[in-house]
């Protein structure tokens, strides 16, 4: 169940789904005309190899599929989402729109009634098609309580759609930074960090390791009880195996979260995810966004601004999210800050492993009181 297939040539190089201005675009030296033509030819050849129907998708999944997936028709998805009504939109990303949907008991034999999230990819986007396929392959094989569950997909004509379990409370980003939702308590923030760390540790420790590559608050979803699950595997990469120390890729991700050595070299390791985890921990501590251009210049990049303050006990308490109103265990805040400090180490080899992070976080968990969400 923990195995992950090796995808070979990168299938999932795309920009962030947060905001185009904050994305890390692939960088390369200028290509001469012949090289550009060769690159375009390779792209067209790769495009021709992408599946165009459910049978071809299942052929790709045949040797690695651990989780059964349902192949939906596009007409069925219209029924599930109320013909993709605008009021059912949950959000939008770099390659499509996500709708809320309902599968009723009489919809198809063998299916139970449940709420779902339906992610419709841009059918004309080559990058979107590759991202869609990567999610089908990864989530069709991986299964863990802290990974979002993929229920099925649609591969019909130009339609590329993914159907996930519905996460009632939405993303950590929405809950942490919204002024219209209740402030997340310290206990809930610890539960979120612990669950997300478990998800990353599972990926890194798989028989064929997986590097998530796009760990950020918008990709961590919450259920009714604030259990956190990683979503959006469009940038996930099969990790290095054997004597390999890293995976070389085009530089893609989200500014403010991407590890500095990855930005500099394109060398991707599990430690790249650990750095991103450190950024999210600082967001949970401070209530500040990883990149906020509305703040003074020196405070815009959260990791750079907060790093020297994390190990200063007096200064640290001055940057804790003021919306917490001082309602937090001071010792736990110091331990979380120390953990973030080590995750953000400029030397990737000095960062902790995710399994060690999980062990550090577990004693910091506190009992929480969960109020019913207003989600229908």
Protein backbone atom coordinates (compact mmCIF):
# COMPACT_ATOMS: atom_id res chain seq x y z
CA UNK A 1 0.00 0.00 0.00
CA UNK A 2 2.94 2.32 0.63
CA UNK A 3 4.59 1.59 -2.68
CA UNK A 4 4.71 4.25 -5.34
CA UNK A 5 5.47 3.69 -8.95
CA UNK A 6 8.40 5.42 -10.55
CA UNK A 7 7.05 7.80 -13.16
CA UNK A 8 10.27 8.12 -15.10
CA UNK A 9 10.24 11.29 -17.12
CA UNK A 10 8.60 14.10 -15.11
CA UNK A 11 4.84 14.11 -15.58
CA UNK A 12 4.02 16.96 -13.29
CA UNK A 13 5.85 20.23 -13.83
CA UNK A 14 3.45 23.06 -13.21
CA UNK A 15 3.19 26.38 -11.45
CA UNK A 16 1.45 26.86 -8.13
CA UNK A 17 -2.30 26.83 -7.77
CA UNK A 18 -2.13 29.69 -5.25
CA UNK A 19 -1.43 32.70 -7.41
CA UNK A 20 0.46 33.05 -10.62
CA UNK A 21 2.51 35.96 -9.25
CA UNK A 22 3.79 33.76 -6.42
CA UNK A 23 4.69 30.77 -8.58
CA UNK A 24 8.15 29.51 -9.35
CA UNK A 25 8.31 29.14 -13.10
CA UNK A 26 10.71 26.74 -14.76
CA UNK A 27 13.99 28.47 -15.47
CA UNK A 28 16.50 27.64 -18.18
CA UNK A 29 19.09 29.23 -20.40
CA UNK A 30 17.85 30.64 -23.73
CA UNK A 31 17.45 27.89 -26.29
CA UNK A 32 18.51 28.18 -29.89
CA UNK A 33 15.82 27.59 -32.49
CA UNK A 34 16.80 23.95 -33.09
CA UNK A 35 16.62 23.18 -29.38
CA UNK A 36 13.22 24.86 -29.13
CA UNK A 37 11.92 22.78 -32.02
CA UNK A 38 13.30 19.61 -30.44
CA UNK A 39 11.64 20.47 -27.12
CA UNK A 40 8.33 21.08 -28.87
CA UNK A 41 8.62 17.78 -30.73
CA UNK A 42 9.31 15.90 -27.48
CA UNK A 43 6.33 17.62 -25.89
CA UNK A 44 4.06 16.55 -28.73
CA UNK A 45 5.34 12.98 -28.50
CA UNK A 46 4.75 12.92 -24.75
CA UNK A 47 1.27 14.38 -25.24
CA UNK A 48 0.43 11.57 -27.66
CA UNK A 49 1.33 9.03 -24.96
CA UNK A 50 -1.10 10.47 -22.39
CA UNK A 51 -4.27 8.39 -21.91
CA UNK A 52 -7.40 9.51 -23.72
CA UNK A 53 -9.98 7.12 -22.22
CA UNK A 54 -10.58 5.05 -19.05
CA UNK A 55 -9.22 1.86 -20.61
CA UNK A 56 -5.87 3.50 -21.29
CA UNK A 57 -5.82 4.96 -17.78
CA UNK A 58 -6.42 1.54 -16.24
CA UNK A 59 -3.68 0.05 -18.42
CA UNK A 60 -1.26 2.55 -16.87
CA UNK A 61 -2.55 1.72 -13.39
CA UNK A 62 -2.51 -2.03 -13.91
CA UNK A 63 0.83 -2.81 -12.26
CA UNK A 64 0.57 -0.35 -9.39
CA UNK A 65 -3.09 0.27 -8.59
CA UNK A 66 -3.76 -0.49 -4.93
CA UNK A 67 -6.96 1.54 -4.63
CA UNK A 68 -9.98 0.86 -6.85
CA UNK A 69 -11.08 4.00 -8.67
CA UNK A 70 -14.42 4.69 -10.35
CA UNK A 71 -14.41 5.89 -13.95
CA UNK A 72 -17.22 8.46 -14.14
CA UNK A 73 -18.78 9.77 -17.33
CA UNK A 74 -18.97 13.52 -17.81
CA UNK A 75 -22.78 13.35 -17.84
CA UNK A 76 -22.66 11.66 -14.43
CA UNK A 77 -20.52 14.50 -13.11
CA UNK A 78 -23.06 17.01 -14.40
CA UNK A 79 -25.68 15.21 -12.35
CA UNK A 80 -23.45 15.06 -9.26
CA UNK A 81 -22.63 18.80 -9.36
CA UNK A 82 -26.01 20.11 -10.52
CA UNK A 83 -24.59 20.82 -13.98
CA UNK A 84 -21.54 22.51 -12.42
CA UNK A 85 -23.61 25.26 -10.85
CA UNK A 86 -21.65 28.34 -9.81
CA UNK A 87 -22.96 28.19 -6.24
CA UNK A 88 -21.30 24.76 -5.93
CA UNK A 89 -17.82 26.12 -6.58
CA UNK A 90 -15.48 25.37 -3.68
CA UNK A 91 -12.40 27.00 -5.17
CA UNK A 92 -10.17 27.39 -8.20
CA UNK A 93 -6.53 26.52 -8.84
CA UNK A 94 -3.93 26.82 -11.56
CA UNK A 95 -5.52 24.14 -13.74
CA UNK A 96 -9.21 24.14 -12.98
CA UNK A 97 -12.23 24.64 -10.74
CA UNK A 98 -13.36 22.50 -7.80
CA UNK A 99 -17.10 21.91 -7.29
CA UNK A 100 -19.02 20.38 -4.44
CA UNK A 101 -21.15 17.42 -5.47
CA UNK A 102 -23.43 14.76 -4.03
CA UNK A 103 -23.59 11.11 -4.99
CA UNK A 104 -27.01 9.73 -4.04
CA UNK A 105 -27.76 6.11 -3.15
CA UNK A 106 -29.62 5.52 -6.41
CA UNK A 107 -26.86 7.06 -8.52
CA UNK A 108 -25.03 3.84 -9.33
CA UNK A 109 -25.30 0.34 -7.92
CA UNK A 110 -22.76 -0.31 -5.20
CA UNK A 111 -22.14 3.36 -4.36
CA UNK A 112 -23.18 4.79 -1.03
CA UNK A 113 -24.54 8.32 -0.64
CA UNK A 114 -21.72 10.77 0.01
CA UNK A 115 -20.53 14.31 -0.60
CA UNK A 116 -17.59 14.76 -2.95
CA UNK A 117 -15.28 17.42 -4.35
CA UNK A 118 -15.08 17.44 -8.15
CA UNK A 119 -11.94 19.00 -9.63
CA UNK A 120 -12.37 19.89 -13.31
CA UNK A 121 -9.07 20.38 -15.11
CA UNK A 122 -8.56 22.61 -18.11
CA UNK A 123 -9.01 20.14 -20.96
CA UNK A 124 -6.90 22.24 -23.33
CA UNK A 125 -3.90 22.42 -21.00
CA UNK A 126 -1.08 19.96 -21.59
CA UNK A 127 0.31 20.71 -18.12
CA UNK A 128 -3.14 20.21 -16.64
CA UNK A 129 -3.45 16.81 -18.33
CA UNK A 130 -0.11 15.70 -16.90
CA UNK A 131 -1.03 16.97 -13.43
CA UNK A 132 -4.36 15.13 -13.63
CA UNK A 133 -2.63 11.90 -14.60
CA UNK A 134 -0.05 12.23 -11.83
CA UNK A 135 -2.81 12.53 -9.24
CA UNK A 136 -4.61 9.48 -10.64
CA UNK A 137 -1.41 7.44 -10.50
CA UNK A 138 -0.22 8.57 -7.06
CA UNK A 139 -3.55 8.67 -5.23
CA UNK A 140 -4.68 5.52 -7.01
CA UNK A 141 -1.87 3.74 -5.23
CA UNK A 142 -1.26 5.57 -1.95
CA UNK A 143 -3.63 5.27 0.99
CA UNK A 144 -3.25 6.89 4.41
CA UNK A 145 -5.52 8.67 6.93
CA UNK A 146 -3.65 11.93 6.29
CA UNK A 147 -3.89 11.83 2.49
CA UNK A 148 -7.11 12.91 0.79
CA UNK A 149 -8.97 9.96 -0.73
CA UNK A 150 -9.41 9.86 -4.50
CA UNK A 151 -12.75 8.24 -5.34
CA UNK A 152 -12.57 8.31 -9.11
CA UNK A 153 -11.87 10.22 -12.29
CA UNK A 154 -13.27 11.15 -15.68
CA UNK A 155 -11.28 10.76 -18.88
CA UNK A 156 -13.67 11.49 -21.73
CA UNK A 157 -12.96 13.55 -24.85
CA UNK A 158 -11.12 16.64 -23.54
CA UNK A 159 -12.54 16.31 -20.03
CA UNK A 160 -10.08 15.50 -17.26
CA UNK A 161 -11.77 15.41 -13.86
CA UNK A 162 -10.89 14.08 -10.39
CA UNK A 163 -13.44 13.13 -7.72
CA UNK A 164 -12.25 13.28 -4.10
CA UNK A 165 -13.78 12.81 -0.70
CA UNK A 166 -15.33 16.08 0.49
CA UNK A 167 -13.44 17.88 3.27
CA UNK A 168 -16.00 19.81 5.28
CA UNK A 169 -13.81 22.60 6.68
CA UNK A 170 -11.81 23.37 3.56
CA UNK A 171 -8.14 24.30 3.56
CA UNK A 172 -5.87 25.30 6.42
CA UNK A 173 -5.17 28.48 4.46
CA UNK A 174 -8.85 29.48 4.55
CA UNK A 175 -9.22 28.66 8.26
CA UNK A 176 -5.95 30.23 9.41
CA UNK A 177 -6.11 33.52 7.53
CA UNK A 178 -9.84 34.20 7.11
CA UNK A 179 -11.35 36.92 9.27
CA UNK A 180 -14.80 35.42 8.73
CA UNK A 181 -14.07 32.06 10.39
CA UNK A 182 -13.35 31.34 14.07
CA UNK A 183 -9.73 31.69 15.09
CA UNK A 184 -8.00 28.32 15.19
CA UNK A 185 -7.06 27.46 18.77
CA UNK A 186 -3.52 26.44 19.64
CA UNK A 187 -4.70 22.86 20.20
CA UNK A 188 -6.24 22.70 16.72
CA UNK A 189 -3.07 24.12 15.18
CA UNK A 190 -1.05 21.37 16.84
CA UNK A 191 -3.47 18.73 15.56
CA UNK A 192 -3.15 20.13 12.04
CA UNK A 193 0.66 20.11 12.19
CA UNK A 194 0.73 16.57 13.58
CA UNK A 195 -1.60 15.18 10.92
CA UNK A 196 0.21 16.89 8.06
CA UNK A 197 3.56 15.66 9.40
CA UNK A 198 2.21 12.12 9.48
CA UNK A 199 1.14 12.45 5.85
CA UNK A 200 4.57 13.64 4.74
CA UNK A 201 6.34 10.98 6.82
CA UNK A 202 4.23 8.31 5.15
CA UNK A 203 5.22 9.58 1.70
CA UNK A 204 8.91 9.81 2.56
CA UNK A 205 9.02 6.37 4.17
CA UNK A 206 7.18 4.54 1.38
CA UNK A 207 8.94 1.61 -0.28
CA UNK A 208 9.29 3.85 -3.31
CA UNK A 209 9.59 7.29 -1.63
CA UNK A 210 7.49 10.22 -2.75
CA UNK A 211 8.43 13.89 -2.51
CA UNK A 212 5.32 16.01 -2.22
CA UNK A 213 7.01 19.18 -3.56
CA UNK A 214 4.10 21.56 -2.95
CA UNK A 215 3.47 21.50 0.79
CA UNK A 216 1.56 24.63 1.82
CA UNK A 217 -1.53 25.64 3.79
CA UNK A 218 -3.79 25.69 0.72
CA UNK A 219 -2.97 22.03 0.02
CA UNK A 220 -3.79 20.82 3.54
CA UNK A 221 -7.51 20.09 3.86
CA UNK A 222 -9.54 19.63 7.05
CA UNK A 223 -12.46 17.35 7.81
CA UNK A 224 -15.22 18.06 10.34
CA UNK A 225 -12.93 17.14 13.25
CA UNK A 226 -9.93 19.13 11.98
CA UNK A 227 -8.06 16.05 10.85
CA UNK A 228 -5.64 17.26 8.20
CA UNK A 229 -5.10 15.56 4.85
CA UNK A 230 -2.67 16.38 2.05
CA UNK A 231 -4.31 17.10 -1.30
CA UNK A 232 -3.24 18.09 -4.82
CA UNK A 233 -0.50 15.68 -5.87
CA UNK A 234 0.05 17.36 -9.22
CA UNK A 235 3.65 18.25 -8.36
CA UNK A 236 4.50 15.06 -6.47
CA UNK A 237 7.64 13.26 -7.61
CA UNK A 238 8.98 9.77 -7.12
CA UNK A 239 11.93 10.24 -4.78
CA UNK A 240 15.54 9.18 -5.28
CA UNK A 241 16.31 5.47 -5.01
CA UNK A 242 19.48 3.44 -4.63
CA UNK A 243 22.63 5.54 -4.65
CA UNK A 244 20.81 8.65 -5.90
CA UNK A 245 20.91 11.60 -3.48
CA UNK A 246 18.30 13.73 -5.20
CA UNK A 247 15.95 14.07 -8.14
CA UNK A 248 16.74 16.76 -10.70
CA UNK A 249 13.66 18.62 -11.88
CA UNK A 250 12.52 21.85 -13.39
CA UNK A 251 12.04 24.40 -10.61
CA UNK A 252 8.34 24.52 -9.81
CA UNK A 253 6.42 25.32 -6.65
CA UNK A 254 5.25 28.28 -4.59
CA UNK A 255 7.33 31.24 -3.50
CA UNK A 256 7.67 31.49 0.23
CA UNK A 257 7.49 27.71 0.68
CA UNK A 258 10.10 26.29 -1.70
CA UNK A 259 13.45 25.33 -0.18
CA UNK A 260 16.35 27.66 -1.14
CA UNK A 261 18.64 24.87 -2.37
CA UNK A 262 15.88 23.57 -4.65
CA UNK A 263 15.37 27.04 -6.11
CA UNK A 264 19.11 27.39 -6.67
CA UNK A 265 19.84 23.97 -8.18
CA UNK A 266 16.62 22.15 -9.07
CA UNK A 267 17.82 19.26 -6.86
CA UNK A 268 14.79 17.85 -5.07
CA UNK A 269 14.99 15.76 -1.88
CA UNK A 270 12.70 14.89 1.01
CA UNK A 271 14.43 17.72 2.85
CA UNK A 272 12.75 20.12 0.44
CA UNK A 273 9.41 19.06 1.94
CA UNK A 274 10.83 19.46 5.45
CA UNK A 275 11.71 23.08 4.70
CA UNK A 276 8.18 23.74 3.46
CA UNK A 277 6.82 22.09 6.59
CA UNK A 278 8.90 24.51 8.65
CA UNK A 279 7.32 27.45 6.83
CA UNK A 280 3.83 26.13 7.57
CA UNK A 281 4.74 25.70 11.26
CA UNK A 282 5.77 29.36 11.38
CA UNK A 283 2.46 30.29 9.74
CA UNK A 284 0.61 28.34 12.44
CA UNK A 285 2.61 30.07 15.18
CA UNK A 286 2.33 33.61 13.84
CA UNK A 287 -0.91 33.63 11.85
CA UNK A 288 1.07 35.29 9.05
CA UNK A 289 1.21 34.20 5.41
CA UNK A 290 4.40 32.75 3.95
CA UNK A 291 4.55 35.63 1.49
CA UNK A 292 2.70 38.87 2.21
CA UNK A 293 3.54 41.84 0.01
CA UNK A 294 1.29 44.13 2.05
CA UNK A 295 3.80 44.07 4.91
CA UNK A 296 7.06 46.06 5.21
CA UNK A 297 9.75 44.78 2.84
CA UNK A 298 11.78 43.01 5.54
CA UNK A 299 8.68 41.15 6.77
CA UNK A 300 7.25 40.06 3.43
CA UNK A 301 8.95 36.64 3.28
CA UNK A 302 7.90 34.99 6.52
CA UNK A 303 10.73 32.44 6.79
CA UNK A 304 13.46 35.06 6.34
CA UNK A 305 11.86 37.47 8.80
CA UNK A 306 10.96 34.98 11.51
CA UNK A 307 14.03 32.73 11.44
CA UNK A 308 16.28 34.86 13.74
CA UNK A 309 13.37 35.37 16.17
CA UNK A 310 12.43 31.71 16.61
CA UNK A 311 15.21 30.96 19.08
CA UNK A 312 14.84 34.20 21.07
CA UNK A 313 12.39 33.42 23.88
CA UNK A 314 11.30 37.00 24.56
CA UNK A 315 11.07 38.04 20.91
CA UNK A 316 9.25 34.83 19.97
CA UNK A 317 6.21 35.58 22.12
CA UNK A 318 5.91 38.95 20.41
CA UNK A 319 5.30 37.29 17.03
CA UNK A 320 2.78 34.66 18.16
CA UNK A 321 -0.60 35.15 16.46
CA UNK A 322 -2.30 37.94 18.49
CA UNK A 323 -5.72 36.41 17.70
CA UNK A 324 -4.86 33.61 20.14
CA UNK A 325 -5.14 36.17 22.91
CA UNK A 326 -2.28 34.61 24.84
CA UNK A 327 -4.21 31.34 25.18
CA UNK A 328 -1.40 28.88 24.52
CA UNK A 329 1.19 26.88 26.50
CA UNK A 330 4.39 28.91 26.34
CA UNK A 331 6.68 25.87 26.54
CA UNK A 332 4.90 24.27 23.58
CA UNK A 333 5.30 27.45 21.55
CA UNK A 334 9.04 27.41 22.25
CA UNK A 335 9.27 23.75 21.20
CA UNK A 336 7.34 24.44 18.00
CA UNK A 337 9.56 27.40 17.24
CA UNK A 338 12.68 25.29 17.78
CA UNK A 339 11.28 22.64 15.46
CA UNK A 340 10.57 25.24 12.76
CA UNK A 341 14.06 26.67 13.20
CA UNK A 342 15.67 23.29 12.47
CA UNK A 343 13.34 22.64 9.52
CA UNK A 344 14.38 25.97 7.98
CA UNK A 345 18.11 25.27 8.27
CA UNK A 346 19.88 26.44 5.13
CA UNK A 347 21.79 23.16 5.12
CA UNK A 348 19.27 20.52 4.00
CA UNK A 349 21.32 17.72 5.55
CA UNK A 350 20.91 19.35 8.97
CA UNK A 351 17.10 19.32 8.82
CA UNK A 352 15.20 16.65 10.78
CA UNK A 353 13.49 13.68 9.15
CA UNK A 354 9.69 13.77 9.01
CA UNK A 355 9.41 10.69 11.25
CA UNK A 356 11.43 12.56 13.92
CA UNK A 357 9.18 15.58 13.51
CA UNK A 358 6.14 13.38 14.15
CA UNK A 359 7.74 12.11 17.37
CA UNK A 360 8.46 15.70 18.44
CA UNK A 361 4.90 16.85 17.80
CA UNK A 362 3.00 14.00 19.43
CA UNK A 363 3.68 15.05 23.07
CA UNK A 364 2.49 18.59 22.21
CA UNK A 365 -1.03 17.50 21.27
CA UNK A 366 -3.86 18.77 23.46
CA UNK A 367 -7.53 17.78 23.73
CA UNK A 368 -9.77 19.99 21.60
CA UNK A 369 -13.40 20.94 21.53
CA UNK A 370 -14.81 20.86 18.02
CA UNK A 371 -17.85 22.91 17.10
CA UNK A 372 -20.05 21.85 14.21
CA UNK A 373 -19.10 23.55 10.95
CA UNK A 374 -21.67 25.51 8.98
CA UNK A 375 -20.96 23.41 5.90
CA UNK A 376 -24.02 21.63 4.52
